[in-house]
Amino acid sequence: MPYTTEEDGLINNFAVEPKVYTAEPPNKTQKRNYIVWGALAAVLVAGVLAIAVAAS
């Protein structure tokens, strides 16, 4: 672990920095999956709201 020592003998520890990388854009299959999961989530939320309205 990288550290430095001050004049008074105090030790300062530094975190190890992770490697930096660029994110890759989603491919066609991933985009399609995002759309499908988004639609399913919207249907689920609409269903829960409909049940809440019907129950009240």
Protein backbone atom coordinates (compact mmCIF):
# COMPACT_ATOMS: atom_id res chain seq x y z
CA MET A 1 0.00 0.00 0.00
CA PRO A 2 1.45 3.38 -0.94
CA TYR A 3 2.09 5.69 2.00
CA THR A 4 4.15 8.71 3.00
CA THR A 5 5.68 9.60 6.34
CA GLU A 6 5.54 13.17 7.68
CA GLU A 7 8.20 14.92 9.76
CA ASP A 8 6.41 13.98 13.00
CA GLY A 9 6.35 10.31 12.06
CA LEU A 10 2.68 10.24 11.05
CA ILE A 11 1.85 7.90 8.20
CA ASN A 12 -0.58 8.90 5.44
CA ASN A 13 -2.10 5.97 3.55
CA PHE A 14 -3.41 6.44 0.04
CA ALA A 15 -6.01 4.25 -1.65
CA VAL A 16 -5.00 2.24 -4.68
CA GLU A 17 -6.69 3.83 -7.68
CA PRO A 18 -8.55 1.51 -10.04
CA LYS A 19 -7.69 1.33 -13.71
CA VAL A 20 -9.71 3.78 -15.80
CA TYR A 21 -11.44 2.53 -18.93
CA THR A 22 -14.01 3.88 -21.34
CA ALA A 23 -17.49 2.41 -21.44
CA GLU A 24 -18.63 0.72 -24.61
CA PRO A 25 -22.00 1.69 -26.09
CA PRO A 26 -24.70 -1.00 -25.94
CA ASN A 27 -25.10 -3.25 -28.97
CA LYS A 28 -28.42 -3.95 -30.72
CA THR A 29 -29.27 -6.92 -28.51
CA GLN A 30 -28.66 -4.93 -25.33
CA LYS A 31 -30.75 -2.02 -26.63
CA ARG A 32 -33.60 -4.42 -27.43
CA ASN A 33 -33.35 -5.92 -23.94
CA TYR A 34 -33.49 -2.44 -22.37
CA ILE A 35 -36.67 -1.69 -24.32
CA VAL A 36 -38.28 -5.00 -23.34
CA TRP A 37 -37.42 -4.59 -19.64
CA GLY A 38 -38.61 -0.97 -19.72
CA ALA A 39 -41.94 -2.02 -21.22
CA LEU A 40 -42.36 -4.79 -18.65
CA ALA A 41 -41.56 -2.35 -15.84
CA ALA A 42 -44.13 0.13 -17.20
CA VAL A 43 -46.79 -2.59 -17.34
CA LEU A 44 -45.97 -3.65 -13.78
CA VAL A 45 -46.21 -0.08 -12.46
CA ALA A 46 -49.47 0.51 -14.35
CA GLY A 47 -50.88 -2.73 -12.92
CA VAL A 48 -49.94 -1.82 -9.36
CA LEU A 49 -51.51 1.62 -9.77
CA ALA A 50 -54.67 0.07 -11.23
CA ILE A 51 -54.95 -2.30 -8.28
CA ALA A 52 -54.38 0.58 -5.85
CA VAL A 53 -57.14 2.63 -7.51
CA ALA A 54 -59.51 -0.34 -7.58
CA ALA A 55 -58.85 -1.16 -3.93
CA SER A 56 -59.46 2.40 -2.70
